[in-house]
Amino acid sequence: MKTLVILSDTHGKRSAIDRIGHLFGENDYVIHLGDGAADMRKTREQYPDKTIVLRGNCDIGLGEDERVLEVEGVKILCCHGHKYGVKSSLTRLWLRAQELGCTVALYGHSHVAAIDEQDGVLCVNPGALGAYLEPSYCYLVVSGKKAVATIVSLPPQA
């Protein structure tokens, strides 16, 4: 069994990452799906072997555009989502995941947490950890070629 903490769209709110930073050491991967990639510098330094950072449409330089990660035989597509038009439809993301042989697709961009399954592809948006009203992240468990995603909401800080 492997566990992953998935976050996205921190948009400079490093304090939001610090609020859940205690989780990073006890999980196998920490994945930031973009728009705030620079916010992950400290985390990458602390956990270089398990931190993955994607580049969003608001990021310059730091991060990958797209990555396929294989965890316990489960192929996971990681991206920000803007290149696949995820604000209007998950179809292009789902097709890309199928093309790459992935059964999980992680994306951000819309700031709306969601878990959807379409023809065997689990599409997961952790929401925006940097959101003012409803900050959230995803806890993903992969075991026995099965992936289970849970959206975790954080109360906004005063």
C-alpha atoms as a PDB file:
ATOM      1  CA  MET A   1       0.000   0.000   0.000  1.00  0.00           C
ATOM      2  CA  LYS A   2       1.211   3.478  -0.907  1.00  0.00           C
ATOM      3  CA  THR A   3      -0.236   6.822   0.131  1.00  0.00           C
ATOM      4  CA  LEU A   4      -0.105  10.128  -1.685  1.00  0.00           C
ATOM      5  CA  VAL A   5      -0.938  13.681  -0.667  1.00  0.00           C
ATOM      6  CA  ILE A   6      -2.162  15.621  -3.697  1.00  0.00           C
ATOM      7  CA  LEU A   7      -2.469  19.402  -3.649  1.00  0.00           C
ATOM      8  CA  SER A   8      -2.946  22.121  -6.234  1.00  0.00           C
ATOM      9  CA  ASP A   9      -3.511  25.812  -6.799  1.00  0.00           C
ATOM     10  CA  THR A  10      -1.790  27.231  -3.729  1.00  0.00           C
ATOM     11  CA  HIS A  11      -1.150  30.504  -5.607  1.00  0.00           C
ATOM     12  CA  GLY A  12       1.540  31.798  -3.245  1.00  0.00           C
ATOM     13  CA  LYS A  13      -0.195  30.744  -0.036  1.00  0.00           C
ATOM     14  CA  ARG A  14       2.774  28.922   1.475  1.00  0.00           C
ATOM     15  CA  SER A  15       0.974  28.987   4.829  1.00  0.00           C
ATOM     16  CA  ALA A  16      -1.626  26.581   3.406  1.00  0.00           C
ATOM     17  CA  ILE A  17       1.129  24.085   2.597  1.00  0.00           C
ATOM     18  CA  ASP A  18       2.611  24.552   6.074  1.00  0.00           C
ATOM     19  CA  ARG A  19      -0.776  23.641   7.598  1.00  0.00           C
ATOM     20  CA  ILE A  20      -0.584  20.139   6.115  1.00  0.00           C
ATOM     21  CA  GLY A  21       3.204  19.794   6.025  1.00  0.00           C
ATOM     22  CA  HIS A  22       3.192  17.397   8.981  1.00  0.00           C
ATOM     23  CA  LEU A  23       1.576  14.823   6.654  1.00  0.00           C
ATOM     24  CA  PHE A  24       4.378  14.818   4.091  1.00  0.00           C
ATOM     25  CA  GLY A  25       6.840  12.745   6.080  1.00  0.00           C
ATOM     26  CA  GLU A  26       4.408   9.879   6.678  1.00  0.00           C
ATOM     27  CA  ASN A  27       3.226   9.512   3.060  1.00  0.00           C
ATOM     28  CA  ASP A  28       4.999   7.984   0.079  1.00  0.00           C
ATOM     29  CA  TYR A  29       4.459  10.883  -2.354  1.00  0.00           C
ATOM     30  CA  VAL A  30       3.584  14.566  -2.235  1.00  0.00           C
ATOM     31  CA  ILE A  31       2.294  15.904  -5.542  1.00  0.00           C
ATOM     32  CA  HIS A  32       1.567  19.553  -6.338  1.00  0.00           C
ATOM     33  CA  LEU A  33      -0.452  19.894  -9.544  1.00  0.00           C
ATOM     34  CA  GLY A  34       0.561  23.456 -10.357  1.00  0.00           C
ATOM     35  CA  ASP A  35      -0.300  27.124  -9.915  1.00  0.00           C
ATOM     36  CA  GLY A  36       1.976  27.635  -6.979  1.00  0.00           C
ATOM     37  CA  ALA A  37       4.856  25.368  -8.002  1.00  0.00           C
ATOM     38  CA  ALA A  38       7.351  27.765  -6.395  1.00  0.00           C
ATOM     39  CA  ASP A  39       5.496  27.293  -3.098  1.00  0.00           C
ATOM     40  CA  MET A  40       6.923  23.756  -3.022  1.00  0.00           C
ATOM     41  CA  ARG A  41      10.629  24.695  -2.909  1.00  0.00           C
ATOM     42  CA  LYS A  42      10.930  24.027   0.829  1.00  0.00           C
ATOM     43  CA  THR A  43       9.047  20.720   0.533  1.00  0.00           C
ATOM     44  CA  ARG A  44      11.233  19.610  -2.399  1.00  0.00           C
ATOM     45  CA  GLU A  45      14.342  20.356  -0.342  1.00  0.00           C
ATOM     46  CA  GLN A  46      12.993  18.439   2.648  1.00  0.00           C
ATOM     47  CA  TYR A  47      11.592  15.457   0.689  1.00  0.00           C
ATOM     48  CA  PRO A  48      13.405  15.395  -2.673  1.00  0.00           C
ATOM     49  CA  ASP A  49      12.741  11.721  -3.412  1.00  0.00           C
ATOM     50  CA  LYS A  50       8.980  11.853  -2.996  1.00  0.00           C
ATOM     51  CA  THR A  51       7.958  15.361  -4.030  1.00  0.00           C
ATOM     52  CA  ILE A  52       6.606  15.862  -7.550  1.00  0.00           C
ATOM     53  CA  VAL A  53       5.764  19.334  -8.820  1.00  0.00           C
ATOM     54  CA  LEU A  54       3.791  20.086 -11.965  1.00  0.00           C
ATOM     55  CA  ARG A  55       3.650  23.426 -13.740  1.00  0.00           C
ATOM     56  CA  GLY A  56       0.335  25.235 -14.030  1.00  0.00           C
ATOM     57  CA  ASN A  57      -0.730  28.038 -16.326  1.00  0.00           C
ATOM     58  CA  CYS A  58       0.345  30.612 -13.690  1.00  0.00           C
ATOM     59  CA  ASP A  59       3.803  29.069 -13.090  1.00  0.00           C
ATOM     60  CA  ILE A  60       7.027  30.094 -14.757  1.00  0.00           C
ATOM     61  CA  GLY A  61       9.882  27.623 -14.998  1.00  0.00           C
ATOM     62  CA  LEU A  62       9.554  25.288 -12.035  1.00  0.00           C
ATOM     63  CA  GLY A  63       7.774  21.970 -12.526  1.00  0.00           C
ATOM     64  CA  GLU A  64       6.932  19.469 -15.223  1.00  0.00           C
ATOM     65  CA  ASP A  65       4.086  19.921 -17.710  1.00  0.00           C
ATOM     66  CA  GLU A  66       2.917  16.336 -17.309  1.00  0.00           C
ATOM     67  CA  ARG A  67       4.108  13.154 -15.668  1.00  0.00           C
ATOM     68  CA  VAL A  68       3.075   9.518 -15.529  1.00  0.00           C
ATOM     69  CA  LEU A  69       3.798   7.939 -12.167  1.00  0.00           C
ATOM     70  CA  GLU A  70       3.478   4.215 -11.584  1.00  0.00           C
ATOM     71  CA  VAL A  71       2.555   3.245  -8.031  1.00  0.00           C
ATOM     72  CA  GLU A  72       2.024  -0.434  -7.185  1.00  0.00           C
ATOM     73  CA  GLY A  73       1.159  -1.190 -10.808  1.00  0.00           C
ATOM     74  CA  VAL A  74      -1.297   1.722 -11.094  1.00  0.00           C
ATOM     75  CA  LYS A  75      -0.368   4.288 -13.739  1.00  0.00           C
ATOM     76  CA  ILE A  76      -1.237   7.837 -12.701  1.00  0.00           C
ATOM     77  CA  LEU A  77      -1.323  10.815 -15.060  1.00  0.00           C
ATOM     78  CA  CYS A  78      -0.374  14.020 -13.231  1.00  0.00           C
ATOM     79  CA  CYS A  79      -0.991  17.421 -14.822  1.00  0.00           C
ATOM     80  CA  HIS A  80      -2.436  20.846 -14.076  1.00  0.00           C
ATOM     81  CA  GLY A  81      -5.289  20.342 -16.501  1.00  0.00           C
ATOM     82  CA  HIS A  82      -5.399  23.662 -18.342  1.00  0.00           C
ATOM     83  CA  LYS A  83      -4.054  22.072 -21.540  1.00  0.00           C
ATOM     84  CA  TYR A  84      -6.970  19.620 -21.482  1.00  0.00           C
ATOM     85  CA  GLY A  85      -9.769  22.138 -20.945  1.00  0.00           C
ATOM     86  CA  VAL A  86     -10.820  20.655 -17.595  1.00  0.00           C
ATOM     87  CA  LYS A  87     -12.921  23.684 -16.678  1.00  0.00           C
ATOM     88  CA  SER A  88     -15.448  22.721 -19.346  1.00  0.00           C
ATOM     89  CA  SER A  89     -15.069  18.927 -19.698  1.00  0.00           C
ATOM     90  CA  LEU A  90     -12.904  16.017 -18.568  1.00  0.00           C
ATOM     91  CA  THR A  91     -13.077  14.319 -21.974  1.00  0.00           C
ATOM     92  CA  ARG A  92      -9.650  15.403 -23.245  1.00  0.00           C
ATOM     93  CA  LEU A  93      -8.023  14.532 -19.910  1.00  0.00           C
ATOM     94  CA  TRP A  94      -9.714  11.140 -19.888  1.00  0.00           C
ATOM     95  CA  LEU A  95      -8.606  10.455 -23.490  1.00  0.00           C
ATOM     96  CA  ARG A  96      -5.011  11.407 -22.629  1.00  0.00           C
ATOM     97  CA  ALA A  97      -5.049   9.101 -19.604  1.00  0.00           C
ATOM     98  CA  GLN A  98      -6.357   6.244 -21.772  1.00  0.00           C
ATOM     99  CA  GLU A  99      -3.722   6.964 -24.431  1.00  0.00           C
ATOM    100  CA  LEU A 100      -0.988   6.639 -21.785  1.00  0.00           C
ATOM    101  CA  GLY A 101      -2.525   3.519 -20.180  1.00  0.00           C
ATOM    102  CA  CYS A 102      -3.351   5.353 -16.950  1.00  0.00           C
ATOM    103  CA  THR A 103      -6.254   4.402 -14.699  1.00  0.00           C
ATOM    104  CA  VAL A 104      -5.926   7.560 -12.574  1.00  0.00           C
ATOM    105  CA  ALA A 105      -5.713  11.174 -13.785  1.00  0.00           C
ATOM    106  CA  LEU A 106      -4.845  13.932 -11.296  1.00  0.00           C
ATOM    107  CA  TYR A 107      -5.546  17.528 -12.278  1.00  0.00           C
ATOM    108  CA  GLY A 108      -6.159  20.971 -10.797  1.00  0.00           C
ATOM    109  CA  HIS A 109      -6.848  24.326 -12.466  1.00  0.00           C
ATOM    110  CA  SER A 110     -10.592  24.621 -11.792  1.00  0.00           C
ATOM    111  CA  HIS A 111     -10.205  25.104  -8.003  1.00  0.00           C
ATOM    112  CA  VAL A 112     -13.160  22.732  -7.556  1.00  0.00           C
ATOM    113  CA  ALA A 113     -12.522  19.451  -5.735  1.00  0.00           C
ATOM    114  CA  ALA A 114     -13.969  16.485  -7.609  1.00  0.00           C
ATOM    115  CA  ILE A 115     -13.744  12.722  -7.922  1.00  0.00           C
ATOM    116  CA  ASP A 116     -15.179  11.300 -11.133  1.00  0.00           C
ATOM    117  CA  GLU A 117     -14.834   7.929 -12.835  1.00  0.00           C
ATOM    118  CA  GLN A 118     -15.243   7.516 -16.554  1.00  0.00           C
ATOM    119  CA  ASP A 119     -14.737   4.177 -18.324  1.00  0.00           C
ATOM    120  CA  GLY A 120     -12.197   2.896 -15.836  1.00  0.00           C
ATOM    121  CA  VAL A 121     -10.276   6.170 -15.369  1.00  0.00           C
ATOM    122  CA  LEU A 122     -10.501   7.808 -11.949  1.00  0.00           C
ATOM    123  CA  CYS A 123     -10.219  11.588 -12.449  1.00  0.00           C
ATOM    124  CA  VAL A 124      -9.347  13.498  -9.282  1.00  0.00           C
ATOM    125  CA  ASN A 125      -9.095  17.220  -8.625  1.00  0.00           C
ATOM    126  CA  PRO A 126      -7.926  17.987  -5.062  1.00  0.00           C
ATOM    127  CA  GLY A 127      -9.418  21.481  -5.206  1.00  0.00           C
ATOM    128  CA  ALA A 128      -7.419  24.583  -4.363  1.00  0.00           C
ATOM    129  CA  LEU A 129      -5.364  24.430  -1.183  1.00  0.00           C
ATOM    130  CA  GLY A 130      -4.862  28.190  -1.511  1.00  0.00           C
ATOM    131  CA  ALA A 131      -8.590  28.931  -1.710  1.00  0.00           C
ATOM    132  CA  TYR A 132     -10.007  31.509   0.654  1.00  0.00           C
ATOM    133  CA  LEU A 133     -13.380  29.841   1.189  1.00  0.00           C
ATOM    134  CA  GLU A 134     -12.929  26.085   0.799  1.00  0.00           C
ATOM    135  CA  PRO A 135      -9.268  24.985   0.840  1.00  0.00           C
ATOM    136  CA  SER A 136      -8.805  21.260   0.231  1.00  0.00           C
ATOM    137  CA  TYR A 137      -6.364  18.543  -0.784  1.00  0.00           C
ATOM    138  CA  CYS A 138      -6.636  14.870  -1.703  1.00  0.00           C
ATOM    139  CA  TYR A 139      -5.425  11.807   0.142  1.00  0.00           C
ATOM    140  CA  LEU A 140      -4.926   8.978  -2.353  1.00  0.00           C
ATOM    141  CA  VAL A 141      -4.365   5.358  -1.317  1.00  0.00           C
ATOM    142  CA  VAL A 142      -3.085   2.854  -3.884  1.00  0.00           C
ATOM    143  CA  SER A 143      -3.195  -0.829  -3.002  1.00  0.00           C
ATOM    144  CA  GLY A 144      -3.538  -3.990  -5.051  1.00  0.00           C
ATOM    145  CA  LYS A 145      -3.934  -2.070  -8.324  1.00  0.00           C
ATOM    146  CA  LYS A 146      -6.828  -0.114  -6.816  1.00  0.00           C
ATOM    147  CA  ALA A 147      -6.809   3.607  -6.083  1.00  0.00           C
ATOM    148  CA  VAL A 148      -9.119   5.293  -3.584  1.00  0.00           C
ATOM    149  CA  ALA A 149      -9.271   9.087  -3.374  1.00  0.00           C
ATOM    150  CA  THR A 150     -10.588  11.165  -0.486  1.00  0.00           C
ATOM    151  CA  ILE A 151     -11.008  14.932  -0.587  1.00  0.00           C
ATOM    152  CA  VAL A 152     -10.015  16.562   2.695  1.00  0.00           C
ATOM    153  CA  SER A 153     -11.342  20.045   3.449  1.00  0.00           C
ATOM    154  CA  LEU A 154      -9.472  22.455   5.683  1.00  0.00           C
ATOM    155  CA  PRO A 155     -11.295  25.108   7.633  1.00  0.00           C
ATOM    156  CA  PRO A 156     -10.206  28.553   6.419  1.00  0.00           C
ATOM    157  CA  GLN A 157      -7.807  30.366   8.692  1.00  0.00           C
ATOM    158  CA  ALA A 158      -8.955  33.541  10.326  1.00  0.00           C
END
